[in-house]
């Protein structure tokens, strides 16, 4: 079973919190909040997304790269390539 399926409830709870944070940004922008308040909220959103990504990446490494020794070399290489692609996308 894939880790995103196994951890689905916890990951969805995190997404809901992030959604609430994004909605707070929208409310503040509509309400003409001070830029410092909006920047703070955006930093919170960014932190939430980064934290979620870090959790999924960690589980990917643990399951697909370090996991069961029956995982073939080709499957590990594919998992590593997927991870590298995500990392490159993140830092663009």
PDB file of N, CA and C in Angstrom:
ATOM      1  N   UNK A   1       0.843  -1.175   0.000  1.00  0.00           N
ATOM      2  CA  UNK A   1       0.000   0.000   0.000  1.00  0.00           C
ATOM      3  C   UNK A   1       0.892   1.244   0.000  1.00  0.00           C
ATOM      4  N   UNK A   2       0.598   2.183  -0.856  1.00  0.00           N
ATOM      5  CA  UNK A   2       1.388   3.413  -0.951  1.00  0.00           C
ATOM      6  C   UNK A   2       1.224   4.231   0.331  1.00  0.00           C
ATOM      7  N   UNK A   3       2.279   4.909   0.711  1.00  0.00           N
ATOM      8  CA  UNK A   3       2.248   5.679   1.954  1.00  0.00           C
ATOM      9  C   UNK A   3       1.238   6.804   1.908  1.00  0.00           C
ATOM     10  N   UNK A   4       0.957   7.371   0.729  1.00  0.00           N
ATOM     11  CA  UNK A   4      -0.032   8.447   0.665  1.00  0.00           C
ATOM     12  C   UNK A   4      -1.435   7.911   0.901  1.00  0.00           C
ATOM     13  N   UNK A   5      -1.663   6.645   0.580  1.00  0.00           N
ATOM     14  CA  UNK A   5      -2.959   6.031   0.862  1.00  0.00           C
ATOM     15  C   UNK A   5      -3.032   5.676   2.343  1.00  0.00           C
ATOM     16  N   UNK A   6      -1.967   5.101   2.863  1.00  0.00           N
ATOM     17  CA  UNK A   6      -1.920   4.680   4.265  1.00  0.00           C
ATOM     18  C   UNK A   6      -2.054   5.889   5.190  1.00  0.00           C
ATOM     19  N   UNK A   7      -1.450   7.002   4.829  1.00  0.00           N
ATOM     20  CA  UNK A   7      -1.460   8.211   5.665  1.00  0.00           C
ATOM     21  C   UNK A   7      -2.483   9.239   5.191  1.00  0.00           C
ATOM     22  N   UNK A   8      -3.447   8.795   4.394  1.00  0.00           N
ATOM     23  CA  UNK A   8      -4.376   9.716   3.737  1.00  0.00           C
ATOM     24  C   UNK A   8      -5.092  10.639   4.732  1.00  0.00           C
ATOM     25  N   UNK A   9      -5.586  10.105   5.815  1.00  0.00           N
ATOM     26  CA  UNK A   9      -6.348  10.918   6.761  1.00  0.00           C
ATOM     27  C   UNK A   9      -5.492  12.059   7.324  1.00  0.00           C
ATOM     28  N   UNK A  10      -4.280  11.725   7.752  1.00  0.00           N
ATOM     29  CA  UNK A  10      -3.395  12.744   8.316  1.00  0.00           C
ATOM     30  C   UNK A  10      -3.018  13.794   7.265  1.00  0.00           C
ATOM     31  N   UNK A  11      -2.717  13.343   6.042  1.00  0.00           N
ATOM     32  CA  UNK A  11      -2.349  14.280   4.985  1.00  0.00           C
ATOM     33  C   UNK A  11      -3.518  15.182   4.609  1.00  0.00           C
ATOM     34  N   UNK A  12      -4.721  14.615   4.545  1.00  0.00           N
ATOM     35  CA  UNK A  12      -5.897  15.437   4.235  1.00  0.00           C
ATOM     36  C   UNK A  12      -6.174  16.457   5.336  1.00  0.00           C
ATOM     37  N   UNK A  13      -5.938  16.090   6.587  1.00  0.00           N
ATOM     38  CA  UNK A  13      -6.101  17.054   7.680  1.00  0.00           C
ATOM     39  C   UNK A  13      -5.131  18.216   7.520  1.00  0.00           C
ATOM     40  N   UNK A  14      -3.912  17.911   7.102  1.00  0.00           N
ATOM     41  CA  UNK A  14      -2.928  18.980   6.886  1.00  0.00           C
ATOM     42  C   UNK A  14      -3.359  19.883   5.741  1.00  0.00           C
ATOM     43  N   UNK A  15      -3.879  19.289   4.678  1.00  0.00           N
ATOM     44  CA  UNK A  15      -4.366  20.073   3.529  1.00  0.00           C
ATOM     45  C   UNK A  15      -5.510  20.982   3.966  1.00  0.00           C
ATOM     46  N   UNK A  16      -6.386  20.484   4.797  1.00  0.00           N
ATOM     47  CA  UNK A  16      -7.501  21.317   5.281  1.00  0.00           C
ATOM     48  C   UNK A  16      -6.985  22.509   6.085  1.00  0.00           C
ATOM     49  N   UNK A  17      -5.954  22.281   6.901  1.00  0.00           N
ATOM     50  CA  UNK A  17      -5.370  23.407   7.652  1.00  0.00           C
ATOM     51  C   UNK A  17      -4.761  24.424   6.690  1.00  0.00           C
ATOM     52  N   UNK A  18      -4.059  23.935   5.673  1.00  0.00           N
ATOM     53  CA  UNK A  18      -3.460  24.837   4.683  1.00  0.00           C
ATOM     54  C   UNK A  18      -4.555  25.615   3.956  1.00  0.00           C
ATOM     55  N   UNK A  19      -5.646  24.943   3.597  1.00  0.00           N
ATOM     56  CA  UNK A  19      -6.763  25.621   2.941  1.00  0.00           C
ATOM     57  C   UNK A  19      -7.288  26.745   3.832  1.00  0.00           C
ATOM     58  N   UNK A  20      -7.416  26.473   5.124  1.00  0.00           N
ATOM     59  CA  UNK A  20      -7.869  27.502   6.059  1.00  0.00           C
ATOM     60  C   UNK A  20      -6.911  28.678   6.109  1.00  0.00           C
ATOM     61  N   UNK A  21      -5.625  28.389   6.042  1.00  0.00           N
ATOM     62  CA  UNK A  21      -4.629  29.452   6.050  1.00  0.00           C
ATOM     63  C   UNK A  21      -4.720  30.297   4.780  1.00  0.00           C
ATOM     64  N   UNK A  22      -4.922  29.649   3.629  1.00  0.00           N
ATOM     65  CA  UNK A  22      -5.065  30.382   2.368  1.00  0.00           C
ATOM     66  C   UNK A  22      -6.331  31.240   2.413  1.00  0.00           C
ATOM     67  N   UNK A  23      -7.393  30.696   2.982  1.00  0.00           N
ATOM     68  CA  UNK A  23      -8.627  31.471   3.102  1.00  0.00           C
ATOM     69  C   UNK A  23      -8.424  32.677   4.010  1.00  0.00           C
ATOM     70  N   UNK A  24      -7.591  32.541   5.030  1.00  0.00           N
ATOM     71  CA  UNK A  24      -7.279  33.681   5.904  1.00  0.00           C
ATOM     72  C   UNK A  24      -6.549  34.769   5.121  1.00  0.00           C
ATOM     73  N   UNK A  25      -5.655  34.369   4.222  1.00  0.00           N
ATOM     74  CA  UNK A  25      -4.974  35.352   3.364  1.00  0.00           C
ATOM     75  C   UNK A  25      -6.013  36.095   2.531  1.00  0.00           C
ATOM     76  N   UNK A  26      -6.925  35.349   1.930  1.00  0.00           N
ATOM     77  CA  UNK A  26      -7.953  35.976   1.089  1.00  0.00           C
ATOM     78  C   UNK A  26      -8.813  36.941   1.905  1.00  0.00           C
ATOM     79  N   UNK A  27      -9.242  36.510   3.088  1.00  0.00           N
ATOM     80  CA  UNK A  27     -10.056  37.396   3.934  1.00  0.00           C
ATOM     81  C   UNK A  27      -9.312  38.678   4.272  1.00  0.00           C
ATOM     82  N   UNK A  28      -8.034  38.548   4.575  1.00  0.00           N
ATOM     83  CA  UNK A  28      -7.236  39.725   4.919  1.00  0.00           C
ATOM     84  C   UNK A  28      -7.052  40.650   3.733  1.00  0.00           C
ATOM     85  N   UNK A  29      -6.864  40.079   2.561  1.00  0.00           N
ATOM     86  CA  UNK A  29      -6.735  40.913   1.363  1.00  0.00           C
ATOM     87  C   UNK A  29      -8.046  41.627   1.046  1.00  0.00           C
ATOM     88  N   UNK A  30      -9.151  40.919   1.180  1.00  0.00           N
ATOM     89  CA  UNK A  30     -10.464  41.543   0.941  1.00  0.00           C
ATOM     90  C   UNK A  30     -10.737  42.634   1.978  1.00  0.00           C
ATOM     91  N   UNK A  31     -10.259  42.408   3.191  1.00  0.00           N
ATOM     92  CA  UNK A  31     -10.483  43.363   4.270  1.00  0.00           C
ATOM     93  C   UNK A  31      -9.461  44.471   4.323  1.00  0.00           C
ATOM     94  N   UNK A  32      -8.576  44.475   3.347  1.00  0.00           N
ATOM     95  CA  UNK A  32      -7.562  45.519   3.243  1.00  0.00           C
ATOM     96  C   UNK A  32      -6.633  45.544   4.460  1.00  0.00           C
ATOM     97  N   UNK A  33      -6.156  44.365   4.827  1.00  0.00           N
ATOM     98  CA  UNK A  33      -5.243  44.243   5.971  1.00  0.00           C
ATOM     99  C   UNK A  33      -3.896  44.893   5.656  1.00  0.00           C
ATOM    100  N   UNK A  34      -3.166  45.177   6.699  1.00  0.00           N
ATOM    101  CA  UNK A  34      -1.811  45.703   6.550  1.00  0.00           C
ATOM    102  C   UNK A  34      -0.940  44.670   5.836  1.00  0.00           C
ATOM    103  N   UNK A  35       0.010  45.159   5.045  1.00  0.00           N
ATOM    104  CA  UNK A  35       0.861  44.250   4.283  1.00  0.00           C
ATOM    105  C   UNK A  35       1.654  43.316   5.195  1.00  0.00           C
ATOM    106  N   UNK A  36       2.025  43.792   6.379  1.00  0.00           N
ATOM    107  CA  UNK A  36       2.785  42.928   7.289  1.00  0.00           C
ATOM    108  C   UNK A  36       1.945  41.730   7.733  1.00  0.00           C
ATOM    109  N   UNK A  37       0.658  41.942   7.953  1.00  0.00           N
ATOM    110  CA  UNK A  37      -0.234  40.839   8.330  1.00  0.00           C
ATOM    111  C   UNK A  37      -0.359  39.843   7.186  1.00  0.00           C
ATOM    112  N   UNK A  38      -0.504  40.332   5.971  1.00  0.00           N
ATOM    113  CA  UNK A  38      -0.622  39.453   4.804  1.00  0.00           C
ATOM    114  C   UNK A  38       0.673  38.674   4.603  1.00  0.00           C
ATOM    115  N   UNK A  39       1.809  39.339   4.745  1.00  0.00           N
ATOM    116  CA  UNK A  39       3.090  38.637   4.599  1.00  0.00           C
ATOM    117  C   UNK A  39       3.244  37.544   5.647  1.00  0.00           C
ATOM    118  N   UNK A  40       2.835  37.832   6.865  1.00  0.00           N
ATOM    119  CA  UNK A  40       2.901  36.825   7.930  1.00  0.00           C
ATOM    120  C   UNK A  40       2.034  35.616   7.568  1.00  0.00           C
ATOM    121  N   UNK A  41       0.832  35.873   7.111  1.00  0.00           N
ATOM    122  CA  UNK A  41      -0.063  34.775   6.729  1.00  0.00           C
ATOM    123  C   UNK A  41       0.502  33.978   5.556  1.00  0.00           C
ATOM    124  N   UNK A  42       1.097  34.668   4.605  1.00  0.00           N
ATOM    125  CA  UNK A  42       1.706  33.967   3.468  1.00  0.00           C
ATOM    126  C   UNK A  42       2.872  33.097   3.915  1.00  0.00           C
ATOM    127  N   UNK A  43       3.635  33.579   4.876  1.00  0.00           N
ATOM    128  CA  UNK A  43       4.734  32.775   5.409  1.00  0.00           C
ATOM    129  C   UNK A  43       4.200  31.526   6.100  1.00  0.00           C
ATOM    130  N   UNK A  44       3.066  31.655   6.789  1.00  0.00           N
ATOM    131  CA  UNK A  44       2.440  30.504   7.434  1.00  0.00           C
ATOM    132  C   UNK A  44       1.994  29.489   6.385  1.00  0.00           C
ATOM    133  N   UNK A  45       1.388  29.972   5.305  1.00  0.00           N
ATOM    134  CA  UNK A  45       0.953  29.076   4.220  1.00  0.00           C
ATOM    135  C   UNK A  45       2.162  28.368   3.613  1.00  0.00           C
ATOM    136  N   UNK A  46       3.186  29.130   3.335  1.00  0.00           N
ATOM    137  CA  UNK A  46       4.393  28.557   2.742  1.00  0.00           C
ATOM    138  C   UNK A  46       4.991  27.492   3.661  1.00  0.00           C
ATOM    139  N   UNK A  47       5.040  27.782   4.941  1.00  0.00           N
ATOM    140  CA  UNK A  47       5.557  26.819   5.902  1.00  0.00           C
ATOM    141  C   UNK A  47       4.722  25.556   5.954  1.00  0.00           C
ATOM    142  N   UNK A  48       3.411  25.724   5.889  1.00  0.00           N
ATOM    143  CA  UNK A  48       2.516  24.564   5.903  1.00  0.00           C
ATOM    144  C   UNK A  48       2.717  23.677   4.697  1.00  0.00           C
ATOM    145  N   UNK A  49       2.826  24.287   3.529  1.00  0.00           N
ATOM    146  CA  UNK A  49       3.035  23.518   2.295  1.00  0.00           C
ATOM    147  C   UNK A  49       4.408  22.855   2.332  1.00  0.00           C
ATOM    148  N   UNK A  50       5.418  23.576   2.759  1.00  0.00           N
ATOM    149  CA  UNK A  50       6.763  23.003   2.834  1.00  0.00           C
ATOM    150  C   UNK A  50       6.812  21.826   3.808  1.00  0.00           C
ATOM    151  N   UNK A  51       6.143  21.974   4.931  1.00  0.00           N
ATOM    152  CA  UNK A  51       6.109  20.909   5.922  1.00  0.00           C
ATOM    153  C   UNK A  51       5.395  19.668   5.375  1.00  0.00           C
ATOM    154  N   UNK A  52       4.300  19.886   4.674  1.00  0.00           N
ATOM    155  CA  UNK A  52       3.580  18.771   4.053  1.00  0.00           C
ATOM    156  C   UNK A  52       4.456  18.078   3.018  1.00  0.00           C
ATOM    157  N   UNK A  53       5.105  18.853   2.186  1.00  0.00           N
ATOM    158  CA  UNK A  53       5.996  18.277   1.178  1.00  0.00           C
ATOM    159  C   UNK A  53       7.112  17.484   1.843  1.00  0.00           C
ATOM    160  N   UNK A  54       7.696  18.025   2.892  1.00  0.00           N
ATOM    161  CA  UNK A  54       8.774  17.322   3.590  1.00  0.00           C
ATOM    162  C   UNK A  54       8.293  15.986   4.141  1.00  0.00           C
ATOM    163  N   UNK A  55       7.084  15.957   4.664  1.00  0.00           N
ATOM    164  CA  UNK A  55       6.536  14.705   5.196  1.00  0.00           C
ATOM    165  C   UNK A  55       6.340  13.661   4.096  1.00  0.00           C
ATOM    166  N   UNK A  56       5.773  14.085   2.974  1.00  0.00           N
ATOM    167  CA  UNK A  56       5.546  13.149   1.866  1.00  0.00           C
ATOM    168  C   UNK A  56       6.883  12.693   1.284  1.00  0.00           C
ATOM    169  N   UNK A  57       7.842  13.610   1.150  1.00  0.00           N
ATOM    170  CA  UNK A  57       9.162  13.242   0.647  1.00  0.00           C
ATOM    171  C   UNK A  57       9.852  12.246   1.581  1.00  0.00           C
ATOM    172  N   UNK A  58       9.757  12.487   2.870  1.00  0.00           N
ATOM    173  CA  UNK A  58      10.379  11.569   3.828  1.00  0.00           C
ATOM    174  C   UNK A  58       9.791  10.166   3.690  1.00  0.00           C
ATOM    175  N   UNK A  59       8.479  10.089   3.619  1.00  0.00           N
ATOM    176  CA  UNK A  59       7.849   8.766   3.493  1.00  0.00           C
ATOM    177  C   UNK A  59       8.205   8.113   2.158  1.00  0.00           C
ATOM    178  N   UNK A  60       8.342   8.913   1.109  1.00  0.00           N
ATOM    179  CA  UNK A  60       8.754   8.385  -0.195  1.00  0.00           C
ATOM    180  C   UNK A  60      10.134   7.736  -0.081  1.00  0.00           C
ATOM    181  N   UNK A  61      11.057   8.446   0.547  1.00  0.00           N
ATOM    182  CA  UNK A  61      12.416   7.917   0.716  1.00  0.00           C
ATOM    183  C   UNK A  61      12.386   6.648   1.564  1.00  0.00           C
ATOM    184  N   UNK A  62      11.677   6.699   2.674  1.00  0.00           N
ATOM    185  CA  UNK A  62      11.643   5.540   3.569  1.00  0.00           C
ATOM    186  C   UNK A  62      11.014   4.317   2.907  1.00  0.00           C
ATOM    187  N   UNK A  63       9.966   4.529   2.137  1.00  0.00           N
ATOM    188  CA  UNK A  63       9.260   3.394   1.545  1.00  0.00           C
ATOM    189  C   UNK A  63       9.872   2.917   0.239  1.00  0.00           C
ATOM    190  N   UNK A  64      10.244   3.841  -0.627  1.00  0.00           N
ATOM    191  CA  UNK A  64      10.668   3.462  -1.981  1.00  0.00           C
ATOM    192  C   UNK A  64      12.172   3.361  -2.161  1.00  0.00           C
ATOM    193  N   UNK A  65      12.941   3.989  -1.287  1.00  0.00           N
ATOM    194  CA  UNK A  65      14.393   3.944  -1.424  1.00  0.00           C
ATOM    195  C   UNK A  65      15.063   3.118  -0.332  1.00  0.00           C
ATOM    196  N   UNK A  66      14.541   3.210   0.885  1.00  0.00           N
ATOM    197  CA  UNK A  66      15.162   2.497   1.994  1.00  0.00           C
ATOM    198  C   UNK A  66      14.334   1.294   2.440  1.00  0.00           C
ATOM    199  N   UNK A  67      13.154   1.150   1.903  1.00  0.00           N
ATOM    200  CA  UNK A  67      12.197   0.161   2.379  1.00  0.00           C
ATOM    201  C   UNK A  67      12.600  -1.278   2.140  1.00  0.00           C
ATOM    202  N   UNK A  68      11.631  -2.042   1.871  1.00  0.00           N
ATOM    203  CA  UNK A  68      11.753  -3.487   1.671  1.00  0.00           C
ATOM    204  C   UNK A  68      12.916  -3.819   0.740  1.00  0.00           C
ATOM    205  N   UNK A  69      13.747  -4.739   1.177  1.00  0.00           N
ATOM    206  CA  UNK A  69      14.915  -5.121   0.369  1.00  0.00           C
ATOM    207  C   UNK A  69      14.533  -5.867  -0.901  1.00  0.00           C
ATOM    208  N   UNK A  70      13.276  -6.259  -1.015  1.00  0.00           N
ATOM    209  CA  UNK A  70      12.816  -6.935  -2.234  1.00  0.00           C
ATOM    210  C   UNK A  70      12.555  -5.955  -3.375  1.00  0.00           C
ATOM    211  N   UNK A  71      12.614  -4.650  -3.065  1.00  0.00           N
ATOM    212  CA  UNK A  71      12.419  -3.644  -4.108  1.00  0.00           C
ATOM    213  C   UNK A  71      13.609  -3.714  -5.056  1.00  0.00           C
ATOM    214  N   UNK A  72      13.307  -3.824  -6.328  1.00  0.00           N
ATOM    215  CA  UNK A  72      14.378  -3.982  -7.316  1.00  0.00           C
ATOM    216  C   UNK A  72      15.211  -2.710  -7.435  1.00  0.00           C
ATOM    217  N   UNK A  73      16.398  -2.893  -7.952  1.00  0.00           N
ATOM    218  CA  UNK A  73      17.307  -1.758  -8.196  1.00  0.00           C
ATOM    219  C   UNK A  73      16.657  -0.762  -9.156  1.00  0.00           C
ATOM    220  N   UNK A  74      15.969  -1.278 -10.167  1.00  0.00           N
ATOM    221  CA  UNK A  74      15.298  -0.408 -11.144  1.00  0.00           C
ATOM    222  C   UNK A  74      14.186   0.409 -10.476  1.00  0.00           C
ATOM    223  N   UNK A  75      13.435  -0.231  -9.580  1.00  0.00           N
ATOM    224  CA  UNK A  75      12.362   0.487  -8.881  1.00  0.00           C
ATOM    225  C   UNK A  75      12.939   1.557  -7.968  1.00  0.00           C
ATOM    226  N   UNK A  76      14.049   1.256  -7.307  1.00  0.00           N
ATOM    227  CA  UNK A  76      14.704   2.263  -6.458  1.00  0.00           C
ATOM    228  C   UNK A  76      15.222   3.429  -7.296  1.00  0.00           C
ATOM    229  N   UNK A  77      15.780   3.105  -8.449  1.00  0.00           N
ATOM    230  CA  UNK A  77      16.281   4.155  -9.336  1.00  0.00           C
ATOM    231  C   UNK A  77      15.124   5.040  -9.798  1.00  0.00           C
ATOM    232  N   UNK A  78      13.998   4.435 -10.155  1.00  0.00           N
ATOM    233  CA  UNK A  78      12.826   5.207 -10.585  1.00  0.00           C
ATOM    234  C   UNK A  78      12.325   6.100  -9.446  1.00  0.00           C
ATOM    235  N   UNK A  79      12.304   5.560  -8.234  1.00  0.00           N
ATOM    236  CA  UNK A  79      11.871   6.350  -7.079  1.00  0.00           C
ATOM    237  C   UNK A  79      12.831   7.516  -6.830  1.00  0.00           C
ATOM    238  N   UNK A  80      14.111   7.272  -6.991  1.00  0.00           N
ATOM    239  CA  UNK A  80      15.102   8.340  -6.827  1.00  0.00           C
ATOM    240  C   UNK A  80      14.914   9.410  -7.904  1.00  0.00           C
ATOM    241  N   UNK A  81      14.662   8.991  -9.133  1.00  0.00           N
ATOM    242  CA  UNK A  81      14.425   9.956 -10.216  1.00  0.00           C
ATOM    243  C   UNK A  81      13.197  10.807  -9.936  1.00  0.00           C
ATOM    244  N   UNK A  82      12.135  10.187  -9.418  1.00  0.00           N
ATOM    245  CA  UNK A  82      10.925  10.941  -9.061  1.00  0.00           C
ATOM    246  C   UNK A  82      11.246  11.976  -7.995  1.00  0.00           C
ATOM    247  N   UNK A  83      12.004  11.570  -7.006  1.00  0.00           N
ATOM    248  CA  UNK A  83      12.382  12.474  -5.924  1.00  0.00           C
ATOM    249  C   UNK A  83      13.213  13.640  -6.452  1.00  0.00           C
ATOM    250  N   UNK A  84      14.159  13.349  -7.296  1.00  0.00           N
ATOM    251  CA  UNK A  84      15.004  14.390  -7.882  1.00  0.00           C
ATOM    252  C   UNK A  84      14.172  15.373  -8.692  1.00  0.00           C
ATOM    253  N   UNK A  85      13.204  14.885  -9.464  1.00  0.00           N
ATOM    254  CA  UNK A  85      12.325  15.766 -10.242  1.00  0.00           C
ATOM    255  C   UNK A  85      11.548  16.716  -9.334  1.00  0.00           C
ATOM    256  N   UNK A  86      11.032  16.181  -8.225  1.00  0.00           N
ATOM    257  CA  UNK A  86      10.282  17.012  -7.290  1.00  0.00           C
ATOM    258  C   UNK A  86      11.191  18.073  -6.687  1.00  0.00           C
ATOM    259  N   UNK A  87      12.378  17.679  -6.302  1.00  0.00           N
ATOM    260  CA  UNK A  87      13.315  18.631  -5.699  1.00  0.00           C
ATOM    261  C   UNK A  87      13.654  19.744  -6.684  1.00  0.00           C
ATOM    262  N   UNK A  88      13.890  19.377  -7.936  1.00  0.00           N
ATOM    263  CA  UNK A  88      14.176  20.401  -8.954  1.00  0.00           C
ATOM    264  C   UNK A  88      12.990  21.332  -9.137  1.00  0.00           C
ATOM    265  N   UNK A  89      11.777  20.796  -9.161  1.00  0.00           N
ATOM    266  CA  UNK A  89      10.586  21.624  -9.306  1.00  0.00           C
ATOM    267  C   UNK A  89      10.428  22.572  -8.122  1.00  0.00           C
ATOM    268  N   UNK A  90      10.730  22.081  -6.946  1.00  0.00           N
ATOM    269  CA  UNK A  90      10.564  22.875  -5.737  1.00  0.00           C
ATOM    270  C   UNK A  90      11.490  24.086  -5.709  1.00  0.00           C
ATOM    271  N   UNK A  91      12.705  23.886  -6.193  1.00  0.00           N
ATOM    272  CA  UNK A  91      13.691  24.964  -6.124  1.00  0.00           C
ATOM    273  C   UNK A  91      13.713  25.867  -7.358  1.00  0.00           C
ATOM    274  N   UNK A  92      12.782  25.722  -8.244  1.00  0.00           N
ATOM    275  CA  UNK A  92      12.717  26.626  -9.414  1.00  0.00           C
ATOM    276  C   UNK A  92      12.190  27.960  -9.019  1.00  0.00           C
TER     277      UNK A  92
END
